[in-house]
Amino acid sequence: NTPPPPLLTDTLQRLGSPANAEVGLPPVTDALFAEYPDLPQNIADKILAHATAAERQQIAQNNRLPLRLKNRARELQFETQTVRAAQGLYHNTLSNIDTERLVLGTWRINTDPFGDLRIEIRQGAFDGELRCGTGPEDATRTRVMIRDDAGKYQVRDGSNQPIHNADGFLTSLLHAMGKQGQTALGYRPGDSDFFRQWIIAKSAPPSERRTVLAMPPIRP
């Protein structure tokens, strides 16, 4: 896979890793992770390091974050989300639900791909948990991409008939979009690496990733 650009790598290193929720945490820290569980530990420590004595007392008494700290935590958790979404484009093993949303959203914004097509990504089964989806809810055609535990995606139609066996995310998405979507995009199932580079280029500016991921997931 293509290595991430230095700026993305630096941001990932700065954000660090999520805290282990199973480890016992002080009450002040516990209140922060209760509302923002995806915050990296080092970022959470910095937020709390800048809490005033009054804010710490408020957390201790009410087990709730003051508004100023809540706003800061929300912003930094979202930054973490956007960076990890992009990270999944460079390393298949790190692909996650936000990577899926980033790809679907970037595709949606930069082309006119859907028409009467809806694509859903579900976990483990045709009727499994809906991870994300896009396209009109009343579409006459539905494609369901079923993600397995190995991070592969099988494509089935709205009647649960197979279209493509389990494969990488972008290859399966190209199969799911069909001829019309492939033509609008300019890529076919064998072009997944070129499709990846297109997504990376379109979503490279942090502002673009934030725009896509700030949109609520399109769900029924």
Protein backbone atom coordinates (compact mmCIF):
# COMPACT_ATOMS: atom_id res chain seq x y z
CA ASN A 1 0.00 0.00 0.00
CA THR A 2 1.00 3.61 -0.51
CA PRO A 3 2.57 5.05 2.67
CA PRO A 4 0.62 7.87 4.34
CA PRO A 5 1.91 11.40 3.74
CA PRO A 6 4.15 12.80 6.51
CA LEU A 7 1.45 15.18 7.78
CA LEU A 8 -1.00 12.33 8.28
CA THR A 9 1.67 10.22 9.96
CA ASP A 10 2.57 13.07 12.31
CA THR A 11 -1.08 13.59 13.20
CA LEU A 12 -1.54 9.89 13.94
CA GLN A 13 1.50 9.90 16.21
CA ARG A 14 0.26 13.04 17.97
CA LEU A 15 -3.19 11.61 18.51
CA GLY A 16 -1.86 8.32 19.80
CA SER A 17 -3.99 5.29 20.63
CA PRO A 18 -7.39 5.01 22.30
CA ALA A 19 -7.35 4.44 26.02
CA ASN A 20 -8.00 0.97 27.38
CA ALA A 21 -11.48 1.33 28.82
CA GLU A 22 -10.99 -1.80 30.93
CA VAL A 23 -8.17 -0.24 32.92
CA GLY A 24 -9.33 1.50 36.09
CA LEU A 25 -9.41 5.25 35.57
CA PRO A 26 -9.62 8.16 38.01
CA PRO A 27 -13.17 9.59 38.31
CA VAL A 28 -12.24 12.75 36.38
CA THR A 29 -10.77 10.75 33.49
CA ASP A 30 -13.61 8.23 33.64
CA ALA A 31 -16.17 11.01 33.11
CA LEU A 32 -14.31 12.14 30.00
CA PHE A 33 -14.12 8.68 28.43
CA ALA A 34 -17.73 7.94 29.30
CA GLU A 35 -18.78 10.65 26.83
CA TYR A 36 -15.86 10.44 24.39
CA PRO A 37 -14.60 6.84 24.41
CA ASP A 38 -12.54 7.17 21.21
CA LEU A 39 -10.28 9.90 22.53
CA PRO A 40 -6.62 8.84 22.64
CA GLN A 41 -5.21 8.69 26.16
CA ASN A 42 -2.57 11.38 25.59
CA ILE A 43 -5.16 13.82 24.22
CA ALA A 44 -7.48 13.13 27.14
CA ASP A 45 -4.60 13.82 29.53
CA LYS A 46 -3.96 17.19 27.85
CA ILE A 47 -7.62 18.18 28.04
CA LEU A 48 -7.77 17.40 31.74
CA ALA A 49 -4.42 19.06 32.38
CA HIS A 50 -5.98 22.34 31.29
CA ALA A 51 -9.10 21.92 33.42
CA THR A 52 -9.51 24.53 36.11
CA ALA A 53 -9.93 23.62 39.76
CA ALA A 54 -13.61 24.59 39.51
CA GLU A 55 -14.08 22.35 36.47
CA ARG A 56 -12.44 19.41 38.21
CA GLN A 57 -14.68 19.95 41.22
CA GLN A 58 -17.73 20.04 38.94
CA ILE A 59 -16.70 16.76 37.34
CA ALA A 60 -16.11 15.15 40.71
CA GLN A 61 -19.46 16.29 42.09
CA ASN A 62 -21.66 15.68 39.05
CA ASN A 63 -19.66 13.07 37.10
CA ARG A 64 -20.27 15.29 34.08
CA LEU A 65 -17.99 17.36 31.87
CA PRO A 66 -18.30 21.16 31.94
CA LEU A 67 -19.30 22.68 28.60
CA ARG A 68 -15.85 24.07 27.78
CA LEU A 69 -14.15 20.71 28.21
CA LYS A 70 -16.98 18.93 26.40
CA ASN A 71 -16.59 21.15 23.35
CA ARG A 72 -12.84 20.61 23.28
CA ALA A 73 -13.19 16.85 23.68
CA ARG A 74 -15.80 16.68 20.92
CA GLU A 75 -13.53 18.57 18.53
CA LEU A 76 -10.50 16.40 19.23
CA GLN A 77 -12.46 13.15 19.02
CA PHE A 78 -13.75 14.22 15.62
CA GLU A 79 -10.19 15.02 14.50
CA THR A 80 -9.17 11.54 15.60
CA GLN A 81 -12.08 10.08 13.65
CA THR A 82 -11.15 11.87 10.42
CA VAL A 83 -7.49 10.88 10.62
CA ARG A 84 -8.23 7.22 11.34
CA ALA A 85 -10.72 7.17 8.47
CA ALA A 86 -7.93 8.29 6.13
CA GLN A 87 -5.48 5.85 7.68
CA GLY A 88 -7.69 2.98 6.50
CA LEU A 89 -7.12 4.05 2.90
CA TYR A 90 -3.38 3.42 3.23
CA HIS A 91 -3.50 0.18 5.25
CA ASN A 92 -6.27 -2.32 4.49
CA THR A 93 -5.95 -3.91 7.92
CA LEU A 94 -6.78 -0.55 9.53
CA SER A 95 -9.93 0.06 7.48
CA ASN A 96 -12.87 0.88 9.73
CA ILE A 97 -16.43 2.15 9.59
CA ASP A 98 -15.22 5.73 9.19
CA THR A 99 -13.07 4.67 6.24
CA GLU A 100 -16.21 3.20 4.69
CA ARG A 101 -18.12 6.45 5.32
CA LEU A 102 -15.24 8.49 3.95
CA VAL A 103 -15.14 6.48 0.72
CA LEU A 104 -18.92 6.47 0.21
CA GLY A 105 -19.17 10.17 1.03
CA THR A 106 -16.27 11.17 -1.23
CA TRP A 107 -17.77 9.13 -4.05
CA ARG A 108 -21.18 10.71 -3.46
CA ILE A 109 -19.89 14.29 -3.38
CA ASN A 110 -17.63 14.07 -6.41
CA THR A 111 -19.81 12.09 -8.83
CA ASP A 112 -23.48 11.52 -9.57
CA PRO A 113 -23.38 7.78 -9.09
CA PHE A 114 -26.60 6.62 -7.57
CA GLY A 115 -29.75 7.15 -9.62
CA ASP A 116 -31.97 4.38 -8.35
CA LEU A 117 -29.17 2.53 -6.50
CA ARG A 118 -28.73 2.19 -2.74
CA ILE A 119 -25.64 0.60 -1.21
CA GLU A 120 -25.58 -0.71 2.36
CA ILE A 121 -22.65 -2.11 4.30
CA ARG A 122 -23.66 -4.65 6.92
CA GLN A 123 -21.76 -6.68 9.47
CA GLY A 124 -21.57 -10.44 9.10
CA ALA A 125 -24.86 -11.19 7.36
CA PHE A 126 -27.36 -9.90 4.80
CA ASP A 127 -29.57 -8.67 7.66
CA GLY A 128 -26.67 -7.90 9.98
CA GLU A 129 -26.01 -4.63 11.75
CA LEU A 130 -26.02 -1.68 9.36
CA ARG A 131 -22.56 -0.09 9.45
CA CYS A 132 -23.37 2.66 6.93
CA GLY A 133 -25.19 3.18 3.68
CA THR A 134 -25.81 5.69 0.95
CA GLY A 135 -28.21 6.29 -1.92
CA PRO A 136 -31.99 6.83 -1.95
CA GLU A 137 -33.95 4.78 0.57
CA ASP A 138 -36.64 4.16 -2.05
CA ALA A 139 -34.16 3.02 -4.69
CA THR A 140 -35.33 0.24 -7.00
CA ARG A 141 -31.91 -1.43 -6.80
CA THR A 142 -30.09 -2.32 -3.57
CA ARG A 143 -26.66 -3.76 -3.12
CA VAL A 144 -25.59 -5.11 0.26
CA MET A 145 -21.91 -5.38 1.07
CA ILE A 146 -21.43 -7.87 3.90
CA ARG A 147 -18.23 -7.36 5.87
CA ASP A 148 -16.78 -10.51 7.45
CA ASP A 149 -14.43 -10.88 10.40
CA ALA A 150 -11.43 -10.87 8.05
CA GLY A 151 -12.36 -7.43 6.72
CA LYS A 152 -13.54 -8.74 3.34
CA TYR A 153 -16.82 -7.74 1.70
CA GLN A 154 -19.27 -9.99 -0.13
CA VAL A 155 -21.73 -8.27 -2.48
CA ARG A 156 -25.36 -9.38 -2.73
CA ASP A 157 -28.43 -7.86 -4.36
CA GLY A 158 -31.62 -6.77 -2.62
CA SER A 159 -32.99 -10.31 -2.85
CA ASN A 160 -29.91 -11.74 -1.13
CA GLN A 161 -28.55 -13.24 -4.35
CA PRO A 162 -24.74 -13.26 -4.74
CA ILE A 163 -23.09 -10.74 -7.05
CA HIS A 164 -19.44 -10.98 -6.00
CA ASN A 165 -17.54 -13.17 -3.56
CA ALA A 166 -15.74 -11.75 -0.53
CA ASP A 167 -13.03 -9.33 -1.64
CA GLY A 168 -11.32 -6.08 -0.63
CA PHE A 169 -13.51 -3.10 0.16
CA LEU A 170 -12.82 -1.00 -2.93
CA THR A 171 -13.00 -3.93 -5.36
CA SER A 172 -16.31 -5.00 -3.84
CA LEU A 173 -17.64 -1.45 -3.95
CA LEU A 174 -16.82 -1.23 -7.65
CA HIS A 175 -18.80 -4.44 -8.19
CA ALA A 176 -21.65 -3.10 -6.06
CA MET A 177 -22.00 0.15 -8.00
CA GLY A 178 -22.60 -1.73 -11.27
CA LYS A 179 -21.91 -0.64 -14.83
CA GLN A 180 -23.65 2.72 -14.48
CA GLY A 181 -21.68 3.71 -11.40
CA GLN A 182 -18.42 2.41 -12.87
CA THR A 183 -18.98 4.43 -16.03
CA ALA A 184 -19.78 7.60 -14.06
CA LEU A 185 -16.66 7.11 -11.95
CA GLY A 186 -14.37 5.94 -14.74
CA TYR A 187 -13.08 2.83 -12.93
CA ARG A 188 -13.89 -0.87 -13.22
CA PRO A 189 -13.42 -3.69 -10.66
CA GLY A 190 -9.81 -4.30 -11.77
CA ASP A 191 -8.98 -0.65 -11.12
CA SER A 192 -9.23 -0.68 -7.33
CA ASP A 193 -5.72 0.75 -6.85
CA PHE A 194 -6.53 3.67 -9.16
CA PHE A 195 -9.86 4.10 -7.35
CA ARG A 196 -7.96 4.20 -4.04
CA GLN A 197 -5.65 6.91 -5.33
CA TRP A 198 -8.66 8.90 -6.55
CA ILE A 199 -10.28 8.70 -3.11
CA ILE A 200 -7.00 9.65 -1.42
CA ALA A 201 -6.57 12.66 -3.72
CA LYS A 202 -10.15 13.86 -3.29
CA SER A 203 -10.10 13.46 0.50
CA ALA A 204 -6.50 14.61 1.08
CA PRO A 205 -7.35 18.07 2.49
CA PRO A 206 -8.43 17.68 6.14
CA SER A 207 -11.31 20.05 5.42
CA GLU A 208 -12.68 17.60 2.85
CA ARG A 209 -12.53 14.67 5.27
CA ARG A 210 -14.24 16.77 7.91
CA THR A 211 -16.99 17.78 5.48
CA VAL A 212 -17.69 14.18 4.49
CA LEU A 213 -17.59 12.72 7.99
CA ALA A 214 -19.56 15.58 9.52
CA MET A 215 -22.51 14.54 7.37
CA PRO A 216 -24.77 12.22 9.32
CA PRO A 217 -24.55 8.65 8.00
CA ILE A 218 -27.41 8.03 5.56
CA ARG A 219 -29.42 5.30 7.24
CA PRO A 220 -33.01 4.07 6.97
